[in-house]
């Protein structure tokens, strides 16, 4: 599965993460550093499973199952907000 931001979404890095702006509605979403790390990996073509593995590796107190759940939750939230397109 490939990820891409919708054409109407712009991003900017923030001190502790990333901000996504829906230019069509003016709504924005602030991602913490962990979510920004995962989204960046997904946008670079990394599969969800690999993004979860990297998350668990970086934050060793996070178990692999929890990391996979967290990545899936983030992806579902981004889809519901219509910020990303997947193929």
N, C-alpha and C. Protein backbone atom coordinates (compact mmCIF):
# COMPACT_ATOMS: atom_id res chain seq x y z
N UNK A 1 0.85 -1.17 0.00
CA UNK A 1 0.00 0.00 0.00
C UNK A 1 0.89 1.24 0.00
N UNK A 2 0.57 2.17 -0.88
CA UNK A 2 1.34 3.41 -0.93
C UNK A 2 0.51 4.55 -0.33
N UNK A 3 1.22 5.49 0.28
CA UNK A 3 0.59 6.64 0.92
C UNK A 3 1.01 7.90 0.21
N UNK A 4 0.10 8.84 0.12
CA UNK A 4 0.39 10.18 -0.38
C UNK A 4 -0.55 11.15 0.31
N UNK A 5 -0.07 12.35 0.53
CA UNK A 5 -0.96 13.38 1.05
C UNK A 5 -1.91 13.80 -0.05
N UNK A 6 -3.12 14.15 0.32
CA UNK A 6 -4.05 14.69 -0.66
C UNK A 6 -3.47 15.99 -1.20
N UNK A 7 -3.80 16.37 -2.43
CA UNK A 7 -3.21 17.57 -3.03
C UNK A 7 -3.50 18.85 -2.26
N UNK A 8 -4.56 18.86 -1.48
CA UNK A 8 -4.94 20.07 -0.75
C UNK A 8 -4.34 20.11 0.66
N UNK A 9 -3.44 19.17 0.97
CA UNK A 9 -2.82 19.12 2.30
C UNK A 9 -1.37 19.57 2.20
N UNK A 10 -1.01 20.50 3.06
CA UNK A 10 0.39 20.91 3.14
C UNK A 10 0.90 20.59 4.54
N UNK A 11 2.21 20.46 4.64
CA UNK A 11 2.82 20.11 5.92
C UNK A 11 3.92 21.10 6.26
N UNK A 12 4.19 21.15 7.54
CA UNK A 12 5.35 21.88 8.01
C UNK A 12 5.87 21.18 9.25
N UNK A 13 7.17 21.15 9.38
CA UNK A 13 7.78 20.58 10.58
C UNK A 13 7.59 21.56 11.72
N UNK A 14 7.35 21.03 12.88
CA UNK A 14 7.22 21.84 14.09
C UNK A 14 8.29 21.38 15.07
N UNK A 15 8.45 22.12 16.13
CA UNK A 15 9.50 21.80 17.11
C UNK A 15 9.36 20.37 17.64
N UNK A 16 8.13 19.94 17.86
CA UNK A 16 7.91 18.61 18.44
C UNK A 16 7.04 17.73 17.56
N UNK A 17 7.14 17.89 16.24
CA UNK A 17 6.36 17.04 15.36
C UNK A 17 6.12 17.66 14.00
N UNK A 18 4.85 17.68 13.60
CA UNK A 18 4.48 18.14 12.27
C UNK A 18 3.06 18.70 12.32
N UNK A 19 2.79 19.66 11.45
CA UNK A 19 1.44 20.21 11.33
C UNK A 19 0.97 19.95 9.91
N UNK A 20 -0.25 19.43 9.79
CA UNK A 20 -0.89 19.20 8.50
C UNK A 20 -2.01 20.21 8.35
N UNK A 21 -2.07 20.89 7.22
CA UNK A 21 -3.10 21.88 6.96
C UNK A 21 -3.93 21.45 5.76
N UNK A 22 -5.23 21.36 5.95
CA UNK A 22 -6.16 21.13 4.85
C UNK A 22 -6.46 22.51 4.28
N UNK A 23 -5.85 22.83 3.17
CA UNK A 23 -5.99 24.16 2.58
C UNK A 23 -7.40 24.44 2.07
N UNK A 24 -8.17 23.39 1.83
CA UNK A 24 -9.54 23.57 1.35
C UNK A 24 -10.48 24.01 2.47
N UNK A 25 -10.23 23.54 3.68
CA UNK A 25 -11.14 23.84 4.80
C UNK A 25 -10.53 24.78 5.83
N UNK A 26 -9.21 24.90 5.83
CA UNK A 26 -8.54 25.70 6.84
C UNK A 26 -8.29 24.96 8.14
N UNK A 27 -8.72 23.71 8.23
CA UNK A 27 -8.47 22.91 9.43
C UNK A 27 -7.04 22.40 9.43
N UNK A 28 -6.49 22.28 10.64
CA UNK A 28 -5.15 21.73 10.73
C UNK A 28 -5.08 20.68 11.81
N UNK A 29 -4.09 19.82 11.70
CA UNK A 29 -3.84 18.74 12.65
C UNK A 29 -2.39 18.84 13.07
N UNK A 30 -2.17 18.73 14.36
CA UNK A 30 -0.82 18.75 14.89
C UNK A 30 -0.45 17.33 15.30
N UNK A 31 0.63 16.84 14.72
CA UNK A 31 1.12 15.50 15.03
C UNK A 31 2.29 15.61 15.99
N UNK A 32 2.33 14.74 16.97
CA UNK A 32 3.48 14.73 17.86
C UNK A 32 4.67 14.11 17.12
N UNK A 33 5.81 14.08 17.75
CA UNK A 33 7.02 13.57 17.10
C UNK A 33 6.91 12.14 16.64
N UNK A 34 6.25 11.31 17.43
CA UNK A 34 6.09 9.90 17.07
C UNK A 34 5.21 9.75 15.83
N UNK A 35 4.08 10.44 15.81
CA UNK A 35 3.19 10.37 14.65
C UNK A 35 3.87 10.94 13.40
N UNK A 36 4.64 12.01 13.58
CA UNK A 36 5.37 12.60 12.45
C UNK A 36 6.40 11.62 11.90
N UNK A 37 7.08 10.91 12.78
CA UNK A 37 8.05 9.90 12.35
C UNK A 37 7.36 8.82 11.53
N UNK A 38 6.22 8.35 12.00
CA UNK A 38 5.49 7.29 11.29
C UNK A 38 4.97 7.81 9.95
N UNK A 39 4.34 8.98 9.95
CA UNK A 39 3.81 9.52 8.69
C UNK A 39 4.92 9.75 7.68
N UNK A 40 6.04 10.28 8.11
CA UNK A 40 7.17 10.50 7.19
C UNK A 40 7.63 9.19 6.58
N UNK A 41 7.71 8.15 7.39
CA UNK A 41 8.12 6.84 6.87
C UNK A 41 7.11 6.33 5.84
N UNK A 42 5.82 6.44 6.17
CA UNK A 42 4.79 5.98 5.24
C UNK A 42 4.83 6.76 3.92
N UNK A 43 5.04 8.06 4.01
CA UNK A 43 5.11 8.88 2.79
C UNK A 43 6.35 8.56 1.97
N UNK A 44 7.39 8.02 2.63
CA UNK A 44 8.61 7.61 1.93
C UNK A 44 8.49 6.21 1.32
N UNK A 45 7.31 5.59 1.47
CA UNK A 45 7.08 4.29 0.87
C UNK A 45 7.32 3.11 1.79
N UNK A 46 7.57 3.37 3.06
CA UNK A 46 7.79 2.28 4.02
C UNK A 46 6.44 1.63 4.34
N UNK A 47 6.33 0.31 4.26
CA UNK A 47 5.07 -0.36 4.61
C UNK A 47 4.72 -0.15 6.09
N UNK A 48 3.44 -0.25 6.40
CA UNK A 48 2.98 -0.05 7.77
C UNK A 48 3.72 -0.95 8.76
N UNK A 49 3.92 -2.21 8.40
CA UNK A 49 4.58 -3.15 9.30
C UNK A 49 6.00 -2.70 9.62
N UNK A 50 6.70 -2.19 8.61
CA UNK A 50 8.07 -1.72 8.81
C UNK A 50 8.07 -0.45 9.65
N UNK A 51 7.10 0.42 9.43
CA UNK A 51 7.00 1.64 10.24
C UNK A 51 6.78 1.28 11.70
N UNK A 52 5.95 0.28 11.96
CA UNK A 52 5.71 -0.19 13.32
C UNK A 52 6.98 -0.78 13.93
N UNK A 53 7.71 -1.55 13.14
CA UNK A 53 8.96 -2.14 13.63
C UNK A 53 9.95 -1.05 14.01
N UNK A 54 10.06 -0.02 13.16
CA UNK A 54 10.97 1.10 13.46
C UNK A 54 10.55 1.83 14.72
N UNK A 55 9.24 1.98 14.88
CA UNK A 55 8.72 2.64 16.08
C UNK A 55 9.09 1.86 17.33
N UNK A 56 8.88 0.55 17.31
CA UNK A 56 9.22 -0.30 18.45
C UNK A 56 10.72 -0.31 18.71
N UNK A 57 11.50 -0.25 17.65
CA UNK A 57 12.95 -0.23 17.79
C UNK A 57 13.43 1.09 18.42
N UNK A 58 12.84 2.18 17.99
CA UNK A 58 13.25 3.50 18.49
C UNK A 58 12.82 3.69 19.94
N UNK A 59 11.61 3.27 20.26
CA UNK A 59 11.08 3.41 21.61
C UNK A 59 11.00 2.00 22.20
N UNK A 60 12.06 1.56 22.78
CA UNK A 60 12.19 0.16 23.20
C UNK A 60 11.17 -0.26 24.25
N UNK A 61 10.55 0.69 24.91
CA UNK A 61 9.52 0.33 25.89
C UNK A 61 8.17 0.02 25.21
N UNK A 62 8.08 0.25 23.91
CA UNK A 62 6.86 -0.03 23.15
C UNK A 62 6.99 -1.42 22.53
N UNK A 63 6.05 -2.29 22.83
CA UNK A 63 6.05 -3.64 22.27
C UNK A 63 5.62 -3.59 20.80
N UNK A 64 6.05 -4.58 20.05
CA UNK A 64 5.77 -4.62 18.61
C UNK A 64 4.26 -4.58 18.33
N UNK A 65 3.47 -5.29 19.14
CA UNK A 65 2.03 -5.31 18.92
C UNK A 65 1.42 -3.93 19.15
N UNK A 66 1.89 -3.25 20.19
CA UNK A 66 1.39 -1.91 20.48
C UNK A 66 1.78 -0.94 19.36
N UNK A 67 3.00 -1.05 18.87
CA UNK A 67 3.45 -0.20 17.78
C UNK A 67 2.59 -0.42 16.54
N UNK A 68 2.28 -1.67 16.22
CA UNK A 68 1.44 -1.97 15.06
C UNK A 68 0.05 -1.37 15.24
N UNK A 69 -0.50 -1.49 16.45
CA UNK A 69 -1.82 -0.90 16.73
C UNK A 69 -1.78 0.62 16.60
N UNK A 70 -0.70 1.23 17.11
CA UNK A 70 -0.58 2.69 17.04
C UNK A 70 -0.48 3.18 15.61
N UNK A 71 0.28 2.48 14.78
CA UNK A 71 0.40 2.85 13.37
C UNK A 71 -0.95 2.70 12.67
N UNK A 72 -1.64 1.61 12.93
CA UNK A 72 -2.96 1.40 12.32
C UNK A 72 -3.95 2.48 12.75
N UNK A 73 -3.90 2.88 14.01
CA UNK A 73 -4.79 3.94 14.51
C UNK A 73 -4.49 5.26 13.83
N UNK A 74 -3.21 5.58 13.68
CA UNK A 74 -2.83 6.83 12.99
C UNK A 74 -3.31 6.81 11.55
N UNK A 75 -3.09 5.72 10.86
CA UNK A 75 -3.51 5.60 9.45
C UNK A 75 -5.03 5.76 9.34
N UNK A 76 -5.76 5.11 10.21
CA UNK A 76 -7.22 5.22 10.18
C UNK A 76 -7.67 6.65 10.43
N UNK A 77 -7.03 7.33 11.35
CA UNK A 77 -7.37 8.73 11.65
C UNK A 77 -7.08 9.64 10.47
N UNK A 78 -5.96 9.44 9.82
CA UNK A 78 -5.60 10.26 8.66
C UNK A 78 -6.57 10.01 7.50
N UNK A 79 -6.99 8.77 7.35
CA UNK A 79 -7.98 8.45 6.30
C UNK A 79 -9.33 9.10 6.60
N UNK A 80 -9.79 8.96 7.85
CA UNK A 80 -11.08 9.56 8.22
C UNK A 80 -11.08 11.07 8.01
N UNK A 81 -9.94 11.70 8.28
CA UNK A 81 -9.82 13.15 8.10
C UNK A 81 -9.60 13.52 6.63
N UNK A 82 -9.49 12.52 5.77
CA UNK A 82 -9.26 12.70 4.32
C UNK A 82 -7.99 13.50 4.03
N UNK A 83 -6.95 13.19 4.80
CA UNK A 83 -5.67 13.87 4.61
C UNK A 83 -4.72 13.09 3.72
N UNK A 84 -4.93 11.77 3.64
CA UNK A 84 -4.05 10.93 2.83
C UNK A 84 -4.85 10.12 1.83
N UNK A 85 -4.17 9.76 0.78
CA UNK A 85 -4.72 8.84 -0.22
C UNK A 85 -3.86 7.58 -0.16
N UNK A 86 -4.50 6.44 -0.26
CA UNK A 86 -3.76 5.18 -0.27
C UNK A 86 -4.13 4.39 -1.52
N UNK A 87 -3.17 3.63 -1.98
CA UNK A 87 -3.42 2.80 -3.15
C UNK A 87 -2.85 1.42 -2.91
